Amino acid sequence: IISGVRNHEGNTYLQSDVSINPGSSGGALVNEKGPFV
């Protein structure tokens, strides 16, 4: 779930509880219908 939108040092980030493993950075985050978010 996307739990919020955070700002850090002038950058915007989506905070979520989606499980991320080492090496998965740079991968796509998509919604239920497939669009790239």
ModelCIF file with pLDDT and N, C-alpha, C, O atoms, coordinates in Angstrom:
data_MODEL
#
_entry.id   MODEL 
#
_entity.id                         1 
_entity.type                       polymer 
_entity.pdbx_number_of_molecules   1 
#
_entity_poly.entity_id                      1 
_entity_poly.type                           'polypeptide(L)' 
_entity_poly.nstd_linkage                   no 
_entity_poly.nstd_monomer                   no 
_entity_poly.pdbx_seq_one_letter_code       IISGVRNHEGNTYLQSDVSINPGSSGGALVNEKGPFV 
_entity_poly.pdbx_seq_one_letter_code_can   IISGVRNHEGNTYLQSDVSINPGSSGGALVNEKGPFV 
_entity_poly.pdbx_strand_id                 A 
#
loop_
_entity_poly_seq.entity_id 
_entity_poly_seq.num 
_entity_poly_seq.mon_id 
_entity_poly_seq.hetero 
1 1  ILE n 
1 2  ILE n 
1 3  SER n 
1 4  GLY n 
1 5  VAL n 
1 6  ARG n 
1 7  ASN n 
1 8  HIS n 
1 9  GLU n 
1 10 GLY n 
1 11 ASN n 
1 12 THR n 
1 13 TYR n 
1 14 LEU n 
1 15 GLN n 
1 16 SER n 
1 17 ASP n 
1 18 VAL n 
1 19 SER n 
1 20 ILE n 
1 21 ASN n 
1 22 PRO n 
1 23 GLY n 
1 24 SER n 
1 25 SER n 
1 26 GLY n 
1 27 GLY n 
1 28 ALA n 
1 29 LEU n 
1 30 VAL n 
1 31 ASN n 
1 32 GLU n 
1 33 LYS n 
1 34 GLY n 
1 35 PRO n 
1 36 PHE n 
1 37 VAL n 
#
_struct_asym.id          A 
_struct_asym.entity_id   1 
#
loop_
_ma_qa_metric.id 
_ma_qa_metric.mode 
_ma_qa_metric.name 
_ma_qa_metric.software_group_id 
_ma_qa_metric.type 
1 global pLDDT . pLDDT 
2 local  pLDDT . pLDDT 
#
_ma_qa_metric_global.metric_id      1 
_ma_qa_metric_global.metric_value   88.43 
_ma_qa_metric_global.model_id       1 
_ma_qa_metric_global.ordinal_id     1 
#
loop_
_ma_qa_metric_local.label_asym_id 
_ma_qa_metric_local.label_comp_id 
_ma_qa_metric_local.label_seq_id 
_ma_qa_metric_local.metric_id 
_ma_qa_metric_local.metric_value 
_ma_qa_metric_local.model_id 
_ma_qa_metric_local.ordinal_id 
A ILE 1  2 96.00 1 1  
A ILE 2  2 96.00 1 2  
A SER 3  2 94.00 1 3  
A GLY 4  2 94.00 1 4  
A VAL 5  2 94.00 1 5  
A ARG 6  2 93.00 1 6  
A ASN 7  2 93.00 1 7  
A HIS 8  2 91.00 1 8  
A GLU 9  2 92.00 1 9  
A GLY 10 2 91.00 1 10 
A ASN 11 2 91.00 1 11 
A THR 12 2 93.00 1 12 
A TYR 13 2 94.00 1 13 
A LEU 14 2 95.00 1 14 
A GLN 15 2 95.00 1 15 
A SER 16 2 94.00 1 16 
A ASP 17 2 93.00 1 17 
A VAL 18 2 90.00 1 18 
A SER 19 2 87.00 1 19 
A ILE 20 2 84.00 1 20 
A ASN 21 2 77.00 1 21 
A PRO 22 2 73.00 1 22 
A GLY 23 2 69.00 1 23 
A SER 24 2 72.00 1 24 
A SER 25 2 73.00 1 25 
A GLY 26 2 80.00 1 26 
A GLY 27 2 85.00 1 27 
A ALA 28 2 89.00 1 28 
A LEU 29 2 92.00 1 29 
A VAL 30 2 92.00 1 30 
A ASN 31 2 91.00 1 31 
A GLU 32 2 90.00 1 32 
A LYS 33 2 87.00 1 33 
A GLY 34 2 83.00 1 34 
A PRO 35 2 87.00 1 35 
A PHE 36 2 89.00 1 36 
A VAL 37 2 93.00 1 37 
#
loop_
_atom_site.group_PDB 
_atom_site.id 
_atom_site.type_symbol 
_atom_site.label_atom_id 
_atom_site.label_alt_id 
_atom_site.label_comp_id 
_atom_site.label_asym_id 
_atom_site.label_entity_id 
_atom_site.label_seq_id 
_atom_site.pdbx_PDB_ins_code 
_atom_site.Cartn_x 
_atom_site.Cartn_y 
_atom_site.Cartn_z 
_atom_site.occupancy 
_atom_site.B_iso_or_equiv 
_atom_site.pdbx_formal_charge 
_atom_site.auth_seq_id 
_atom_site.auth_comp_id 
_atom_site.auth_asym_id 
_atom_site.auth_atom_id 
_atom_site.pdbx_PDB_model_num 
ATOM 1   N N  . ILE A 1 1  ? 0.847  -1.194 0.000   1.00 96.00 ? 1  ILE A N  1 
ATOM 2   C CA . ILE A 1 1  ? 0.000  0.000  0.000   1.00 96.00 ? 1  ILE A CA 1 
ATOM 3   C C  . ILE A 1 1  ? 0.881  1.242  0.000   1.00 96.00 ? 1  ILE A C  1 
ATOM 4   O O  . ILE A 1 1  ? 1.878  1.298  0.719   1.00 96.00 ? 1  ILE A O  1 
ATOM 5   N N  . ILE A 1 2  ? 0.517  2.238  -0.804  1.00 96.00 ? 2  ILE A N  1 
ATOM 6   C CA . ILE A 1 2  ? 1.184  3.539  -0.723  1.00 96.00 ? 2  ILE A CA 1 
ATOM 7   C C  . ILE A 1 2  ? 0.616  4.222  0.509   1.00 96.00 ? 2  ILE A C  1 
ATOM 8   O O  . ILE A 1 2  ? -0.579 4.508  0.571   1.00 96.00 ? 2  ILE A O  1 
ATOM 9   N N  . SER A 1 3  ? 1.464  4.482  1.480   1.00 94.00 ? 3  SER A N  1 
ATOM 10  C CA . SER A 1 3  ? 0.988  5.031  2.745   1.00 94.00 ? 3  SER A CA 1 
ATOM 11  C C  . SER A 1 3  ? 1.089  6.541  2.831   1.00 94.00 ? 3  SER A C  1 
ATOM 12  O O  . SER A 1 3  ? 0.478  7.145  3.713   1.00 94.00 ? 3  SER A O  1 
ATOM 13  N N  . GLY A 1 4  ? 1.836  7.160  1.950   1.00 94.00 ? 4  GLY A N  1 
ATOM 14  C CA . GLY A 1 4  ? 1.924  8.617  1.994   1.00 94.00 ? 4  GLY A CA 1 
ATOM 15  C C  . GLY A 1 4  ? 2.917  9.158  0.993   1.00 94.00 ? 4  GLY A C  1 
ATOM 16  O O  . GLY A 1 4  ? 3.646  8.417  0.333   1.00 94.00 ? 4  GLY A O  1 
ATOM 17  N N  . VAL A 1 5  ? 2.922  10.468 0.903   1.00 94.00 ? 5  VAL A N  1 
ATOM 18  C CA . VAL A 1 5  ? 3.859  11.189 0.039   1.00 94.00 ? 5  VAL A CA 1 
ATOM 19  C C  . VAL A 1 5  ? 4.763  11.991 0.961   1.00 94.00 ? 5  VAL A C  1 
ATOM 20  O O  . VAL A 1 5  ? 4.280  12.762 1.789   1.00 94.00 ? 5  VAL A O  1 
ATOM 21  N N  . ARG A 1 6  ? 6.057  11.816 0.823   1.00 93.00 ? 6  ARG A N  1 
ATOM 22  C CA . ARG A 1 6  ? 7.030  12.467 1.702   1.00 93.00 ? 6  ARG A CA 1 
ATOM 23  C C  . ARG A 1 6  ? 7.948  13.371 0.887   1.00 93.00 ? 6  ARG A C  1 
ATOM 24  O O  . ARG A 1 6  ? 8.238  13.100 -0.278  1.00 93.00 ? 6  ARG A O  1 
ATOM 25  N N  . ASN A 1 7  ? 8.397  14.443 1.519   1.00 93.00 ? 7  ASN A N  1 
ATOM 26  C CA . ASN A 1 7  ? 9.370  15.344 0.915   1.00 93.00 ? 7  ASN A CA 1 
ATOM 27  C C  . ASN A 1 7  ? 10.628 15.324 1.766   1.00 93.00 ? 7  ASN A C  1 
ATOM 28  O O  . ASN A 1 7  ? 10.572 15.453 2.988   1.00 93.00 ? 7  ASN A O  1 
ATOM 29  N N  . HIS A 1 8  ? 11.768 15.158 1.097   1.00 91.00 ? 8  HIS A N  1 
ATOM 30  C CA . HIS A 1 8  ? 13.046 15.121 1.788   1.00 91.00 ? 8  HIS A CA 1 
ATOM 31  C C  . HIS A 1 8  ? 14.087 15.836 0.936   1.00 91.00 ? 8  HIS A C  1 
ATOM 32  O O  . HIS A 1 8  ? 14.344 15.450 -0.204  1.00 91.00 ? 8  HIS A O  1 
ATOM 33  N N  . GLU A 1 9  ? 14.676 16.868 1.497   1.00 92.00 ? 9  GLU A N  1 
ATOM 34  C CA . GLU A 1 9  ? 15.718 17.642 0.823   1.00 92.00 ? 9  GLU A CA 1 
ATOM 35  C C  . GLU A 1 9  ? 15.291 18.083 -0.579  1.00 92.00 ? 9  GLU A C  1 
ATOM 36  O O  . GLU A 1 9  ? 16.072 18.013 -1.528  1.00 92.00 ? 9  GLU A O  1 
ATOM 37  N N  . GLY A 1 10 ? 14.056 18.533 -0.691  1.00 91.00 ? 10 GLY A N  1 
ATOM 38  C CA . GLY A 1 10 ? 13.548 19.057 -1.955  1.00 91.00 ? 10 GLY A CA 1 
ATOM 39  C C  . GLY A 1 10 ? 13.066 18.012 -2.943  1.00 91.00 ? 10 GLY A C  1 
ATOM 40  O O  . GLY A 1 10 ? 12.678 18.353 -4.060  1.00 91.00 ? 10 GLY A O  1 
ATOM 41  N N  . ASN A 1 11 ? 13.084 16.748 -2.553  1.00 91.00 ? 11 ASN A N  1 
ATOM 42  C CA . ASN A 1 11 ? 12.623 15.665 -3.428  1.00 91.00 ? 11 ASN A CA 1 
ATOM 43  C C  . ASN A 1 11 ? 11.356 15.035 -2.870  1.00 91.00 ? 11 ASN A C  1 
ATOM 44  O O  . ASN A 1 11 ? 11.184 14.946 -1.654  1.00 91.00 ? 11 ASN A O  1 
ATOM 45  N N  . THR A 1 12 ? 10.476 14.599 -3.753  1.00 93.00 ? 12 THR A N  1 
ATOM 46  C CA . THR A 1 12 ? 9.229  13.953 -3.372  1.00 93.00 ? 12 THR A CA 1 
ATOM 47  C C  . THR A 1 12 ? 9.379  12.446 -3.520  1.00 93.00 ? 12 THR A C  1 
ATOM 48  O O  . THR A 1 12 ? 9.937  11.964 -4.506  1.00 93.00 ? 12 THR A O  1 
ATOM 49  N N  . TYR A 1 13 ? 8.878  11.702 -2.532  1.00 94.00 ? 13 TYR A N  1 
ATOM 50  C CA . TYR A 1 13 ? 8.927  10.245 -2.549  1.00 94.00 ? 13 TYR A CA 1 
ATOM 51  C C  . TYR A 1 13 ? 7.577  9.671  -2.156  1.00 94.00 ? 13 TYR A C  1 
ATOM 52  O O  . TYR A 1 13 ? 6.850  10.262 -1.358  1.00 94.00 ? 13 TYR A O  1 
ATOM 53  N N  . LEU A 1 14 ? 7.244  8.509  -2.724  1.00 95.00 ? 14 LEU A N  1 
ATOM 54  C CA . LEU A 1 14 ? 6.079  7.758  -2.302  1.00 95.00 ? 14 LEU A CA 1 
ATOM 55  C C  . LEU A 1 14 ? 6.548  6.787  -1.229  1.00 95.00 ? 14 LEU A C  1 
ATOM 56  O O  . LEU A 1 14 ? 7.454  5.989  -1.471  1.00 95.00 ? 14 LEU A O  1 
ATOM 57  N N  . GLN A 1 15 ? 5.945  6.844  -0.051  1.00 95.00 ? 15 GLN A N  1 
ATOM 58  C CA . GLN A 1 15 ? 6.278  5.905  1.016   1.00 95.00 ? 15 GLN A CA 1 
ATOM 59  C C  . GLN A 1 15 ? 5.279  4.762  0.945   1.00 95.00 ? 15 GLN A C  1 
ATOM 60  O O  . GLN A 1 15 ? 4.077  4.984  0.803   1.00 95.00 ? 15 GLN A O  1 
ATOM 61  N N  . SER A 1 16 ? 5.786  3.528  1.045   1.00 94.00 ? 16 SER A N  1 
ATOM 62  C CA . SER A 1 16 ? 4.888  2.376  0.975   1.00 94.00 ? 16 SER A CA 1 
ATOM 63  C C  . SER A 1 16 ? 5.393  1.250  1.854   1.00 94.00 ? 16 SER A C  1 
ATOM 64  O O  . SER A 1 16 ? 6.490  1.307  2.409   1.00 94.00 ? 16 SER A O  1 
ATOM 65  N N  . ASP A 1 17 ? 4.560  0.219  1.968   1.00 93.00 ? 17 ASP A N  1 
ATOM 66  C CA . ASP A 1 17 ? 4.982  -0.992 2.670   1.00 93.00 ? 17 ASP A CA 1 
ATOM 67  C C  . ASP A 1 17 ? 5.231  -2.133 1.687   1.00 93.00 ? 17 ASP A C  1 
ATOM 68  O O  . ASP A 1 17 ? 5.262  -3.301 2.074   1.00 93.00 ? 17 ASP A O  1 
ATOM 69  N N  . VAL A 1 18 ? 5.408  -1.784 0.413   1.00 90.00 ? 18 VAL A N  1 
ATOM 70  C CA . VAL A 1 18 ? 5.739  -2.785 -0.603  1.00 90.00 ? 18 VAL A CA 1 
ATOM 71  C C  . VAL A 1 18 ? 7.113  -3.363 -0.261  1.00 90.00 ? 18 VAL A C  1 
ATOM 72  O O  . VAL A 1 18 ? 8.065  -2.614 -0.045  1.00 90.00 ? 18 VAL A O  1 
ATOM 73  N N  . SER A 1 19 ? 7.214  -4.677 -0.211  1.00 87.00 ? 19 SER A N  1 
ATOM 74  C CA . SER A 1 19 ? 8.473  -5.332 0.134   1.00 87.00 ? 19 SER A CA 1 
ATOM 75  C C  . SER A 1 19 ? 9.512  -5.109 -0.963  1.00 87.00 ? 19 SER A C  1 
ATOM 76  O O  . SER A 1 19 ? 9.273  -5.418 -2.130  1.00 87.00 ? 19 SER A O  1 
ATOM 77  N N  . ILE A 1 20 ? 10.658 -4.572 -0.576  1.00 84.00 ? 20 ILE A N  1 
ATOM 78  C CA . ILE A 1 20 ? 11.762 -4.305 -1.504  1.00 84.00 ? 20 ILE A CA 1 
ATOM 79  C C  . ILE A 1 20 ? 12.971 -5.088 -1.023  1.00 84.00 ? 20 ILE A C  1 
ATOM 80  O O  . ILE A 1 20 ? 13.311 -5.062 0.160   1.00 84.00 ? 20 ILE A O  1 
ATOM 81  N N  . ASN A 1 21 ? 13.614 -5.781 -1.942  1.00 77.00 ? 21 ASN A N  1 
ATOM 82  C CA . ASN A 1 21 ? 14.801 -6.566 -1.624  1.00 77.00 ? 21 ASN A CA 1 
ATOM 83  C C  . ASN A 1 21 ? 16.030 -5.917 -2.237  1.00 77.00 ? 21 ASN A C  1 
ATOM 84  O O  . ASN A 1 21 ? 15.910 -5.189 -3.223  1.00 77.00 ? 21 ASN A O  1 
ATOM 85  N N  . PRO A 1 22 ? 17.229 -6.165 -1.667  1.00 73.00 ? 22 PRO A N  1 
ATOM 86  C CA . PRO A 1 22 ? 18.440 -5.618 -2.277  1.00 73.00 ? 22 PRO A CA 1 
ATOM 87  C C  . PRO A 1 22 ? 18.511 -6.011 -3.748  1.00 73.00 ? 22 PRO A C  1 
ATOM 88  O O  . PRO A 1 22 ? 18.305 -7.174 -4.096  1.00 73.00 ? 22 PRO A O  1 
ATOM 89  N N  . GLY A 1 23 ? 18.798 -5.058 -4.593  1.00 69.00 ? 23 GLY A N  1 
ATOM 90  C CA . GLY A 1 23 ? 18.876 -5.310 -6.023  1.00 69.00 ? 23 GLY A CA 1 
ATOM 91  C C  . GLY A 1 23 ? 17.618 -4.914 -6.776  1.00 69.00 ? 23 GLY A C  1 
ATOM 92  O O  . GLY A 1 23 ? 17.627 -4.854 -8.005  1.00 69.00 ? 23 GLY A O  1 
ATOM 93  N N  . SER A 1 24 ? 16.530 -4.640 -6.052  1.00 72.00 ? 24 SER A N  1 
ATOM 94  C CA . SER A 1 24 ? 15.277 -4.286 -6.722  1.00 72.00 ? 24 SER A CA 1 
ATOM 95  C C  . SER A 1 24 ? 15.125 -2.787 -6.975  1.00 72.00 ? 24 SER A C  1 
ATOM 96  O O  . SER A 1 24 ? 14.165 -2.374 -7.624  1.00 72.00 ? 24 SER A O  1 
ATOM 97  N N  . SER A 1 25 ? 16.042 -1.970 -6.482  1.00 73.00 ? 25 SER A N  1 
ATOM 98  C CA . SER A 1 25 ? 15.970 -0.534 -6.740  1.00 73.00 ? 25 SER A CA 1 
ATOM 99  C C  . SER A 1 25 ? 16.018 -0.284 -8.236  1.00 73.00 ? 25 SER A C  1 
ATOM 100 O O  . SER A 1 25 ? 16.750 -0.955 -8.964  1.00 73.00 ? 25 SER A O  1 
ATOM 101 N N  . GLY A 1 26 ? 15.246 0.673  -8.684  1.00 80.00 ? 26 GLY A N  1 
ATOM 102 C CA . GLY A 1 26 ? 15.186 0.989  -10.101 1.00 80.00 ? 26 GLY A CA 1 
ATOM 103 C C  . GLY A 1 26 ? 14.061 0.276  -10.819 1.00 80.00 ? 26 GLY A C  1 
ATOM 104 O O  . GLY A 1 26 ? 13.794 0.549  -11.989 1.00 80.00 ? 26 GLY A O  1 
ATOM 105 N N  . GLY A 1 27 ? 13.400 -0.638 -10.125 1.00 85.00 ? 27 GLY A N  1 
ATOM 106 C CA . GLY A 1 27 ? 12.268 -1.345 -10.713 1.00 85.00 ? 27 GLY A CA 1 
ATOM 107 C C  . GLY A 1 27 ? 11.020 -0.478 -10.710 1.00 85.00 ? 27 GLY A C  1 
ATOM 108 O O  . GLY A 1 27 ? 10.951 0.545  -10.029 1.00 85.00 ? 27 GLY A O  1 
ATOM 109 N N  . ALA A 1 28 ? 10.043 -0.908 -11.480 1.00 89.00 ? 28 ALA A N  1 
ATOM 110 C CA . ALA A 1 28 ? 8.797  -0.157 -11.602 1.00 89.00 ? 28 ALA A CA 1 
ATOM 111 C C  . ALA A 1 28 ? 7.876  -0.403 -10.415 1.00 89.00 ? 28 ALA A C  1 
ATOM 112 O O  . ALA A 1 28 ? 7.816  -1.508 -9.877  1.00 89.00 ? 28 ALA A O  1 
ATOM 113 N N  . LEU A 1 29 ? 7.161  0.640  -10.016 1.00 92.00 ? 29 LEU A N  1 
ATOM 114 C CA . LEU A 1 29 ? 6.061  0.553  -9.066  1.00 92.00 ? 29 LEU A CA 1 
ATOM 115 C C  . LEU A 1 29 ? 4.813  0.847  -9.884  1.00 92.00 ? 29 LEU A C  1 
ATOM 116 O O  . LEU A 1 29 ? 4.706  1.915  -10.486 1.00 92.00 ? 29 LEU A O  1 
ATOM 117 N N  . VAL A 1 30 ? 3.872  -0.084 -9.912  1.00 92.00 ? 30 VAL A N  1 
ATOM 118 C CA . VAL A 1 30 ? 2.665  0.064  -10.718 1.00 92.00 ? 30 VAL A CA 1 
ATOM 119 C C  . VAL A 1 30 ? 1.434  -0.073 -9.832  1.00 92.00 ? 30 VAL A C  1 
ATOM 120 O O  . VAL A 1 30 ? 1.509  -0.620 -8.731  1.00 92.00 ? 30 VAL A O  1 
ATOM 121 N N  . ASN A 1 31 ? 0.288  0.433  -10.324 1.00 91.00 ? 31 ASN A N  1 
ATOM 122 C CA . ASN A 1 31 ? -0.937 0.263  -9.549  1.00 91.00 ? 31 ASN A CA 1 
ATOM 123 C C  . ASN A 1 31 ? -1.660 -1.002 -9.990  1.00 91.00 ? 31 ASN A C  1 
ATOM 124 O O  . ASN A 1 31 ? -1.160 -1.738 -10.842 1.00 91.00 ? 31 ASN A O  1 
ATOM 125 N N  . GLU A 1 32 ? -2.834 -1.261 -9.417  1.00 90.00 ? 32 GLU A N  1 
ATOM 126 C CA . GLU A 1 32 ? -3.575 -2.504 -9.679  1.00 90.00 ? 32 GLU A CA 1 
ATOM 127 C C  . GLU A 1 32 ? -3.926 -2.728 -11.147 1.00 90.00 ? 32 GLU A C  1 
ATOM 128 O O  . GLU A 1 32 ? -4.019 -3.869 -11.599 1.00 90.00 ? 32 GLU A O  1 
ATOM 129 N N  . LYS A 1 33 ? -4.117 -1.654 -11.880 1.00 87.00 ? 33 LYS A N  1 
ATOM 130 C CA . LYS A 1 33 ? -4.511 -1.776 -13.277 1.00 87.00 ? 33 LYS A CA 1 
ATOM 131 C C  . LYS A 1 33 ? -3.314 -1.760 -14.232 1.00 87.00 ? 33 LYS A C  1 
ATOM 132 O O  . LYS A 1 33 ? -3.480 -1.904 -15.443 1.00 87.00 ? 33 LYS A O  1 
ATOM 133 N N  . GLY A 1 34 ? -2.108 -1.583 -13.681 1.00 83.00 ? 34 GLY A N  1 
ATOM 134 C CA . GLY A 1 34 ? -0.903 -1.652 -14.491 1.00 83.00 ? 34 GLY A CA 1 
ATOM 135 C C  . GLY A 1 34 ? -0.174 -0.357 -14.766 1.00 83.00 ? 34 GLY A C  1 
ATOM 136 O O  . GLY A 1 34 ? 1.018  -0.407 -15.070 1.00 83.00 ? 34 GLY A O  1 
ATOM 137 N N  . PRO A 1 35 ? -0.819 0.823  -14.679 1.00 87.00 ? 35 PRO A N  1 
ATOM 138 C CA . PRO A 1 35 ? -0.076 2.051  -14.960 1.00 87.00 ? 35 PRO A CA 1 
ATOM 139 C C  . PRO A 1 35 ? 1.114  2.263  -14.018 1.00 87.00 ? 35 PRO A C  1 
ATOM 140 O O  . PRO A 1 35 ? 1.063  1.953  -12.828 1.00 87.00 ? 35 PRO A O  1 
ATOM 141 N N  . PHE A 1 36 ? 2.164  2.794  -14.590 1.00 89.00 ? 36 PHE A N  1 
ATOM 142 C CA . PHE A 1 36 ? 3.427  3.117  -13.937 1.00 89.00 ? 36 PHE A CA 1 
ATOM 143 C C  . PHE A 1 36 ? 3.210  4.306  -12.996 1.00 89.00 ? 36 PHE A C  1 
ATOM 144 O O  . PHE A 1 36 ? 2.789  5.376  -13.436 1.00 89.00 ? 36 PHE A O  1 
ATOM 145 N N  . VAL A 1 37 ? 3.497  4.119  -11.697 1.00 93.00 ? 37 VAL A N  1 
ATOM 146 C CA . VAL A 1 37 ? 3.329  5.219  -10.742 1.00 93.00 ? 37 VAL A CA 1 
ATOM 147 C C  . VAL A 1 37 ? 4.626  5.649  -10.064 1.00 93.00 ? 37 VAL A C  1 
ATOM 148 O O  . VAL A 1 37 ? 4.618  6.564  -9.240  1.00 93.00 ? 37 VAL A O  1 
#
